[in-house]
Protein backbone atom coordinates (compact mmCIF):
# COMPACT_ATOMS: atom_id res chain seq x y z
CA UNK A 1 34.89 115.64 74.98
CA UNK A 2 36.31 118.81 73.55
CA UNK A 3 34.35 121.96 74.29
CA UNK A 4 33.43 124.73 71.86
CA UNK A 5 36.24 127.03 70.79
CA UNK A 6 36.56 129.74 73.49
CA UNK A 7 37.84 132.25 70.92
CA UNK A 8 34.74 131.67 68.80
CA UNK A 9 32.54 132.06 71.87
CA UNK A 10 33.96 135.51 72.63
CA UNK A 11 33.77 136.71 69.03
CA UNK A 12 30.19 135.48 68.71
CA UNK A 13 29.25 136.90 72.12
CA UNK A 14 30.27 140.38 70.99
CA UNK A 15 28.67 139.86 67.58
CA UNK A 16 25.39 138.79 69.19
CA UNK A 17 25.36 141.83 71.47
CA UNK A 18 25.86 144.06 68.43
CA UNK A 19 23.21 142.20 66.43
CA UNK A 20 20.78 142.80 69.29
CA UNK A 21 21.69 146.47 69.35
CA UNK A 22 21.10 146.79 65.60
CA UNK A 23 17.51 145.61 66.06
CA UNK A 24 16.71 147.84 69.05
CA UNK A 25 15.58 151.44 68.54
CA UNK A 26 16.53 150.87 64.89
CA UNK A 27 15.62 154.41 63.85
CA UNK A 28 18.38 154.22 61.22
CA UNK A 29 16.32 151.75 59.15
CA UNK A 30 13.37 152.28 56.81
CA UNK A 31 11.09 149.50 55.62
CA UNK A 32 8.91 150.06 52.56
CA UNK A 33 6.43 147.28 51.79
CA UNK A 34 5.73 147.97 48.15
CA UNK A 35 2.71 145.65 47.92
CA UNK A 36 0.98 147.65 50.65
CA UNK A 37 2.47 151.07 49.93
CA UNK A 38 3.48 151.03 53.60
CA UNK A 39 6.62 152.73 54.90
CA UNK A 40 7.78 152.09 58.48
CA UNK A 41 10.60 153.73 60.43
CA UNK A 42 11.13 152.01 63.81
CA UNK A 43 10.44 154.11 66.88
CA UNK A 44 12.82 154.41 69.85
CA UNK A 45 12.19 151.52 72.22
CA UNK A 46 10.98 149.11 69.56
CA UNK A 47 12.69 145.76 69.00
CA UNK A 48 12.66 144.26 65.52
CA UNK A 49 12.28 140.51 65.38
CA UNK A 50 14.73 140.92 62.53
CA UNK A 51 16.24 144.01 60.91
CA UNK A 52 16.43 142.20 57.55
CA UNK A 53 14.47 143.80 54.71
CA UNK A 54 12.73 140.77 53.22
CA UNK A 55 9.37 140.01 51.63
CA UNK A 56 9.01 136.23 51.77
CA UNK A 57 11.29 136.02 48.74
CA UNK A 58 12.34 133.60 50.24
CA UNK A 59 13.28 135.18 53.60
CA UNK A 60 10.29 135.98 55.83
CA UNK A 61 9.31 139.54 56.71
CA UNK A 62 10.03 139.87 60.44
CA UNK A 63 10.34 143.67 60.43
CA UNK A 64 7.81 143.97 63.29
CA UNK A 65 7.82 144.43 67.05
CA UNK A 66 6.60 141.10 68.45
CA UNK A 67 5.65 141.24 72.13
CA UNK A 68 7.01 137.75 72.80
CA UNK A 69 10.32 138.16 70.94
CA UNK A 70 10.91 141.64 72.33
CA UNK A 71 10.49 140.42 75.92
CA UNK A 72 12.93 137.55 75.37
CA UNK A 73 15.45 139.97 73.86
CA UNK A 74 14.97 142.56 76.61
CA UNK A 75 15.80 139.95 79.24
CA UNK A 76 19.28 139.59 77.69
CA UNK A 77 19.99 143.34 78.01
CA UNK A 78 22.37 142.98 81.00
CA UNK A 79 24.29 140.31 79.08
CA UNK A 80 24.60 142.59 76.06
CA UNK A 81 26.11 145.27 78.30
CA UNK A 82 28.56 142.76 79.75
CA UNK A 83 29.56 141.59 76.27
CA UNK A 84 30.04 145.14 74.95
CA UNK A 85 30.54 147.63 77.82
CA UNK A 86 31.03 150.47 75.34
CA UNK A 87 27.29 150.27 74.61
CA UNK A 88 26.17 150.67 78.22
CA UNK A 89 24.82 154.17 77.66
CA UNK A 90 22.84 153.03 74.65
CA UNK A 91 21.23 150.18 76.59
CA UNK A 92 20.36 152.34 79.58
CA UNK A 93 18.53 154.79 77.32
CA UNK A 94 17.01 151.93 75.37
CA UNK A 95 15.44 150.42 78.49
CA UNK A 96 13.65 153.69 79.26
CA UNK A 97 12.56 153.95 75.62
CA UNK A 98 11.32 150.35 75.62
CA UNK A 99 9.18 151.04 78.68
CA UNK A 100 7.74 154.19 77.09
CA UNK A 101 7.10 152.42 73.77
CA UNK A 102 5.43 149.47 75.54
CA UNK A 103 3.20 151.79 77.58
CA UNK A 104 2.20 153.58 74.37
CA UNK A 105 1.27 150.47 72.39
CA UNK A 106 -0.71 149.02 75.32
CA UNK A 107 -2.42 152.27 76.38
CA UNK A 108 -6.06 151.36 77.17
CA UNK A 109 -7.18 154.89 76.27
CA UNK A 110 -5.79 154.54 72.75
CA UNK A 111 -8.32 153.96 69.95
CA UNK A 112 -7.73 151.84 66.88
CA UNK A 113 -8.34 153.28 63.39
CA UNK A 114 -11.87 153.01 62.04
CA UNK A 115 -10.56 151.71 58.70
CA UNK A 116 -7.31 150.14 57.58
CA UNK A 117 -5.22 153.09 56.34
CA UNK A 118 -3.59 150.91 53.66
CA UNK A 119 -6.76 150.42 51.61
CA UNK A 120 -5.85 153.19 49.20
CA UNK A 121 -2.25 152.12 48.59
CA UNK A 122 -2.43 148.31 48.59
CA UNK A 123 -1.95 146.48 45.30
CA UNK A 124 -4.79 144.09 44.31
CA UNK A 125 -2.69 140.96 44.87
CA UNK A 126 -1.99 142.07 48.46
CA UNK A 127 -5.54 143.04 49.42
CA UNK A 128 -6.23 139.58 50.89
CA UNK A 129 -3.48 140.19 53.45
CA UNK A 130 -5.02 143.40 54.86
CA UNK A 131 -6.41 143.31 58.37
CA UNK A 132 -10.19 143.80 58.38
CA UNK A 133 -11.51 147.23 59.32
CA UNK A 134 -13.74 145.76 62.04
CA UNK A 135 -10.74 144.26 63.86
CA UNK A 136 -8.89 147.57 63.85
CA UNK A 137 -11.93 149.57 64.92
CA UNK A 138 -12.44 147.21 67.88
CA UNK A 139 -8.97 147.92 69.27
CA UNK A 140 -8.96 149.70 72.61
CA UNK A 141 -8.81 148.92 76.32
CA UNK A 142 -7.44 145.47 77.10
CA UNK A 143 -7.54 144.44 73.43
CA UNK A 144 -4.16 146.11 72.90
CA UNK A 145 -2.65 143.57 75.30
CA UNK A 146 -3.94 140.69 73.18
CA UNK A 147 -1.94 141.73 70.12
CA UNK A 148 0.95 139.40 69.14
CA UNK A 149 2.82 142.18 67.34
CA UNK A 150 2.84 145.85 66.31
CA UNK A 151 4.35 147.84 63.50
CA UNK A 152 7.82 148.94 64.54
CA UNK A 153 6.71 152.58 64.55
CA UNK A 154 4.07 151.78 67.18
CA UNK A 155 1.09 151.64 64.83
CA UNK A 156 -1.29 148.67 65.04
CA UNK A 157 -0.49 145.61 62.97
CA UNK A 158 -2.26 146.28 59.66
CA UNK A 159 -1.87 142.75 58.27
CA UNK A 160 -4.02 139.68 58.90
CA UNK A 161 -2.64 137.63 61.79
CA UNK A 162 -3.82 135.16 64.39
CA UNK A 163 -5.10 136.51 67.72
CA UNK A 164 -5.36 136.70 70.74
CA UNK A 165 -1.95 135.79 72.17
CA UNK A 166 -1.49 135.70 75.94
CA UNK A 167 2.20 134.92 76.48
CA UNK A 168 3.53 138.39 75.59
CA UNK A 169 2.41 140.49 78.59
CA UNK A 170 3.53 137.77 81.02
CA UNK A 171 6.93 137.52 79.34
CA UNK A 172 7.30 141.30 79.24
CA UNK A 173 6.47 141.66 82.94
CA UNK A 174 8.95 138.96 83.96
CA UNK A 175 11.62 140.36 81.62
CA UNK A 176 11.33 143.90 83.00
CA UNK A 177 11.44 142.52 86.54
CA UNK A 178 14.51 140.43 85.68
CA UNK A 179 16.38 143.41 84.20
CA UNK A 180 15.56 145.52 87.25
CA UNK A 181 16.87 142.81 89.57
CA UNK A 182 20.21 143.01 87.74
CA UNK A 183 20.17 146.76 87.08
CA UNK A 184 18.03 148.41 89.80
CA UNK A 185 19.29 151.84 88.80
CA UNK A 186 17.05 151.59 85.70
CA UNK A 187 13.86 151.42 87.77
CA UNK A 188 11.24 154.14 87.33
CA UNK A 189 7.55 154.79 88.02
CA UNK A 190 6.92 154.11 84.32
CA UNK A 191 8.57 150.69 84.55
CA UNK A 192 6.45 149.81 87.57
CA UNK A 193 3.31 150.96 85.72
CA UNK A 194 4.16 148.67 82.81
CA UNK A 195 4.77 145.70 85.11
CA UNK A 196 1.50 146.32 86.93
CA UNK A 197 -0.46 146.64 83.67
CA UNK A 198 0.98 143.43 82.24
CA UNK A 199 0.47 141.47 85.45
CA UNK A 200 -3.12 142.67 85.85
CA UNK A 201 -3.91 141.59 82.30
CA UNK A 202 -2.17 138.24 82.79
CA UNK A 203 -4.21 137.60 85.94
CA UNK A 204 -7.42 138.40 84.06
CA UNK A 205 -6.78 136.03 81.16
CA UNK A 206 -4.66 133.31 82.75
CA UNK A 207 -5.63 129.90 81.47
CA UNK A 208 -7.95 130.94 78.63
CA UNK A 209 -7.41 129.45 75.16
CA UNK A 210 -5.23 131.60 72.89
CA UNK A 211 -2.82 131.14 70.01
CA UNK A 212 0.41 129.45 71.02
CA UNK A 213 3.98 130.78 70.99
CA UNK A 214 4.38 129.82 67.32
CA UNK A 215 1.11 131.66 66.52
CA UNK A 216 -0.74 128.78 64.97
CA UNK A 217 -4.42 127.99 65.41
CA UNK A 218 -6.63 126.62 66.90
CA UNK A 219 -6.85 128.53 70.17
CA UNK A 220 -5.79 126.32 73.07
CA UNK A 221 -4.06 126.36 76.44
CA UNK A 222 -0.42 125.74 75.57
CA UNK A 223 1.98 124.73 78.30
CA UNK A 224 4.37 127.45 77.13
CA UNK A 225 1.77 130.14 77.80
CA UNK A 226 0.63 128.58 81.07
CA UNK A 227 4.20 128.36 82.35
CA UNK A 228 5.19 131.93 81.49
CA UNK A 229 1.94 133.18 83.02
CA UNK A 230 2.61 131.13 86.15
CA UNK A 231 6.19 132.40 86.38
CA UNK A 232 5.30 136.10 86.10
CA UNK A 233 2.36 135.88 88.50
CA UNK A 234 4.20 133.70 91.00
CA UNK A 235 7.18 136.07 91.14
CA UNK A 236 4.76 138.92 91.83
CA UNK A 237 2.98 136.96 94.57
CA UNK A 238 -0.29 137.04 92.62
CA UNK A 239 -2.64 134.17 93.63
CA UNK A 240 -3.82 133.83 90.01
CA UNK A 241 -0.61 131.85 89.46
CA UNK A 242 -2.38 128.89 91.07
CA UNK A 243 -4.84 128.69 88.14
CA UNK A 244 -2.00 128.26 85.66
CA UNK A 245 -0.29 125.67 87.86
CA UNK A 246 -3.53 123.70 88.22
CA UNK A 247 -4.13 123.68 84.46
CA UNK A 248 -0.58 122.43 83.88
CA UNK A 249 -1.51 119.23 85.70
CA UNK A 250 -4.07 118.58 82.96
CA UNK A 251 -1.24 118.55 80.41
CA UNK A 252 0.64 115.62 81.93
CA UNK A 253 1.70 113.29 79.13
CA UNK A 254 1.16 109.61 79.86
CA UNK A 255 3.26 108.40 76.93
CA UNK A 256 6.51 110.12 77.87
CA UNK A 257 5.99 111.16 81.48
CA UNK A 258 6.57 114.77 80.41
CA UNK A 259 4.32 117.74 79.51
CA UNK A 260 2.14 117.82 76.41
CA UNK A 261 2.17 120.79 74.05
CA UNK A 262 -1.15 121.96 75.45
CA UNK A 263 -4.01 120.89 77.66
CA UNK A 264 -5.95 120.04 74.49
CA UNK A 265 -3.12 118.17 72.72
CA UNK A 266 -3.32 114.41 72.26
CA UNK A 267 -1.06 112.23 74.34
CA UNK A 268 2.47 112.21 72.94
CA UNK A 269 2.29 115.66 71.28
CA UNK A 270 5.30 117.59 72.62
CA UNK A 271 6.76 121.00 71.80
CA UNK A 272 10.21 122.41 72.54
CA UNK A 273 8.55 125.67 73.59
CA UNK A 274 7.46 123.97 76.83
CA UNK A 275 11.12 123.46 77.73
CA UNK A 276 11.95 127.05 76.80
CA UNK A 277 9.27 128.25 79.23
CA UNK A 278 10.69 126.08 82.02
CA UNK A 279 14.13 127.47 81.17
CA UNK A 280 12.73 131.01 81.27
CA UNK A 281 11.36 130.39 84.78
CA UNK A 282 14.74 128.90 85.84
CA UNK A 283 13.48 127.42 89.12
CA UNK A 284 15.52 125.14 91.34
CA UNK A 285 12.60 123.55 93.20
CA UNK A 286 8.96 122.68 92.75
CA UNK A 287 7.06 120.95 89.92
CA UNK A 288 8.43 123.31 87.26
CA UNK A 289 12.07 123.21 88.34
CA UNK A 290 14.73 122.55 85.73
CA UNK A 291 15.36 119.14 87.28
CA UNK A 292 11.73 118.20 87.99
CA UNK A 293 10.95 114.70 86.62
CA UNK A 294 8.36 115.86 84.06
CA UNK A 295 10.68 118.54 82.71
CA UNK A 296 13.53 116.06 82.31
CA UNK A 297 11.20 113.58 80.65
CA UNK A 298 9.99 116.24 78.19
CA UNK A 299 13.58 117.17 77.30
CA UNK A 300 14.63 113.54 76.85
CA UNK A 301 11.62 112.67 74.69
CA UNK A 302 12.08 115.70 72.43
CA UNK A 303 15.80 115.06 72.05
CA UNK A 304 15.10 111.45 71.09
CA UNK A 305 12.54 112.50 68.48
CA UNK A 306 14.75 115.10 66.87
CA UNK A 307 17.77 112.78 66.94
CA UNK A 308 15.81 110.34 64.79
CA UNK A 309 14.12 112.99 62.63
CA UNK A 310 16.94 115.17 61.28
CA UNK A 311 19.72 113.70 59.09
CA UNK A 312 22.15 116.26 60.54
CA UNK A 313 21.83 114.54 63.91
CA UNK A 314 23.31 111.23 62.81
CA UNK A 315 26.17 110.15 65.07
CA UNK A 316 25.96 113.32 67.17
CA UNK A 317 26.08 113.03 70.97
CA UNK A 318 23.21 115.54 71.26
CA UNK A 319 20.70 116.54 68.60
CA UNK A 320 19.88 119.77 66.88
CA UNK A 321 16.44 120.73 68.17
CA UNK A 322 13.43 122.02 66.25
CA UNK A 323 10.04 123.16 67.46
CA UNK A 324 7.92 120.02 67.20
CA UNK A 325 8.32 116.83 65.19
CA UNK A 326 5.63 117.58 62.58
CA UNK A 327 6.70 121.19 61.97
CA UNK A 328 6.72 122.09 58.25
CA UNK A 329 7.60 125.81 58.38
CA UNK A 330 10.42 126.40 55.86
CA UNK A 331 10.66 122.62 55.54
CA UNK A 332 10.74 121.87 59.26
CA UNK A 333 14.27 122.39 60.54
CA UNK A 334 16.29 122.80 63.73
CA UNK A 335 16.10 126.30 65.17
CA UNK A 336 18.92 128.32 66.73
CA UNK A 337 16.75 129.51 69.68
CA UNK A 338 15.61 125.97 70.54
CA UNK A 339 19.00 124.28 70.09
CA UNK A 340 20.68 127.04 72.10
CA UNK A 341 17.88 126.86 74.66
CA UNK A 342 18.43 123.14 75.22
CA UNK A 343 22.18 123.73 75.60
CA UNK A 344 21.46 126.51 78.12
CA UNK A 345 19.07 124.24 80.01
CA UNK A 346 21.74 121.54 80.37
CA UNK A 347 24.30 124.15 81.51
CA UNK A 348 21.87 125.39 84.16
CA UNK A 349 21.18 121.86 85.36
CA UNK A 350 24.93 121.28 85.61
CA UNK A 351 25.35 124.49 87.61
CA UNK A 352 22.56 123.50 90.01
CA UNK A 353 23.55 119.87 90.49
CA UNK A 354 27.21 119.49 89.51
CA UNK A 355 26.12 116.86 86.96
CA UNK A 356 29.06 116.37 84.62
CA UNK A 357 26.93 114.52 82.06
CA UNK A 358 24.58 117.50 81.79
CA UNK A 359 27.56 119.80 81.30
CA UNK A 360 28.98 117.63 78.52
CA UNK A 361 25.62 117.54 76.78
CA UNK A 362 25.51 121.33 76.90
CA UNK A 363 29.04 121.55 75.52
CA UNK A 364 28.10 119.23 72.65
CA UNK A 365 25.07 121.39 71.90
CA UNK A 366 27.16 124.55 71.75
CA UNK A 367 29.74 122.79 69.56
CA UNK A 368 26.91 121.88 67.21
CA UNK A 369 25.88 125.54 67.05
CA UNK A 370 29.48 126.49 66.29
CA UNK A 371 29.56 123.99 63.43
CA UNK A 372 26.47 125.42 61.70
CA UNK A 373 26.94 129.12 62.46
CA UNK A 374 28.10 131.62 59.86
CA UNK A 375 31.28 133.60 60.72
CA UNK A 376 30.68 135.59 63.93
CA UNK A 377 27.83 137.97 63.31
CA UNK A 378 24.03 137.80 63.22
CA UNK A 379 22.60 134.32 63.74
CA UNK A 380 19.81 132.87 61.59
CA UNK A 381 16.49 131.50 62.75
CA UNK A 382 17.01 127.96 61.42
CA UNK A 383 19.57 125.64 59.87
CA UNK A 384 18.84 122.98 57.28
CA UNK A 385 17.93 119.59 58.74
CA UNK A 386 20.36 117.82 56.37
CA UNK A 387 23.19 120.21 55.50
CA UNK A 388 23.21 122.67 58.41
CA UNK A 389 23.04 125.63 56.00
CA UNK A 390 21.35 128.78 57.37
CA UNK A 391 17.73 129.09 56.30
CA UNK A 392 14.58 131.15 56.82
CA UNK A 393 15.45 134.51 58.45
CA UNK A 394 19.22 135.08 58.38
CA UNK A 395 19.34 137.58 61.27
CA UNK A 396 16.92 136.68 64.05
CA UNK A 397 17.20 138.91 67.11
CA UNK A 398 15.91 136.10 69.33
CA UNK A 399 18.85 133.94 68.18
CA UNK A 400 21.31 136.62 69.29
CA UNK A 401 19.68 136.81 72.72
CA UNK A 402 19.59 133.01 72.99
CA UNK A 403 23.32 132.83 72.32
CA UNK A 404 24.07 135.40 75.02
CA UNK A 405 21.92 133.46 77.50
CA UNK A 406 23.53 130.13 76.62
CA UNK A 407 27.13 131.27 77.00
CA UNK A 408 26.29 133.13 80.22
CA UNK A 409 24.85 129.86 81.54
CA UNK A 410 28.08 128.16 80.46
CA UNK A 411 30.14 130.71 82.40
CA UNK A 412 28.00 130.06 85.49
CA UNK A 413 28.28 126.28 85.11
CA UNK A 414 32.05 126.41 84.78
CA UNK A 415 32.28 128.55 87.90
CA UNK A 416 29.86 126.36 89.86
CA UNK A 417 31.55 123.11 88.90
CA UNK A 418 34.94 124.54 89.83
CA UNK A 419 33.63 125.12 93.35
CA UNK A 420 32.51 128.73 92.97
CA UNK A 421 28.81 128.14 93.59
């Protein structure tokens, strides 16, 4: 098989690093939500899920700092420096600002507002979207660590949203630890305080029902959340990791031999997020290793479902990957982060095992991404299940980070398979 175009890879690698940078400490941007009378200027250290100014017309409004997305993006910081060394100074300062911003928004001594400050400026047709006063007044202590997202200026989220979400602090702790392993010169007492705060919270709540990574109800124990909690706690040597590992055994899927979407999910209900969590942990041994039988079974079952589901996958050696088979968001399409994540996973398996088939599957996945990507630049959230046209958000910061991770995994696989392991 022919691999993806190496020239395209390098152009898109640089473009992804720059797209990430444009969403981080984006103090040059201003977002005015006319329906709410709400103006936001991002604070230093914030990470926009997308810098696009959109109002669900039709692009979604992702001009927020999501805890989950920001942690995933932060983890790619060393790769952004490698792709664009001229920005090293920016990223070093950004890391310190991210730590300070994260400590501020999770400060247990901070009090939420007694009333939603947008009451007086919100248009009548937007009033139903306002977050209730009682929710805001109850913010304080550990409740800040249950928030899925914040305004990019550090204010509480003033819109209605599902809560609590328990993957964010675990992902943030493991991401900060991962960056410090690569760039120990960025360590500081503040960074260690943030890690300790996030780990302590994760240990307190590990295994409780919460909203899943895609922020849909009902509350449940998703395998994505359990795995990222296990990973962060296990790397820190915290015995609470055992609770997450034990609950994972309750999510064994009899139909496929893989992992169900959650402990509560019916047999056969799978979600690509489970595989992204296993990829995030990137283990080479144990029950949650990349090559563990249940992980491989989950990947194979999801790939088979999406191959049959999306017209774009006809006659392709590997499929474009969505979130779950019944997903209807923006019509239910393949996602860049999931398709890139599955390619990265196959590259990492190839690097660990020397499996040429895994490498070729990864190459086919990256070629697919090349075929549906706009000219090198920001990458969208999704592409149409039939035509491959970009859809939903057209500049998703997570997609940029996922591309950097995938091509870095490709570099490692090429080196390993050439005998450089």
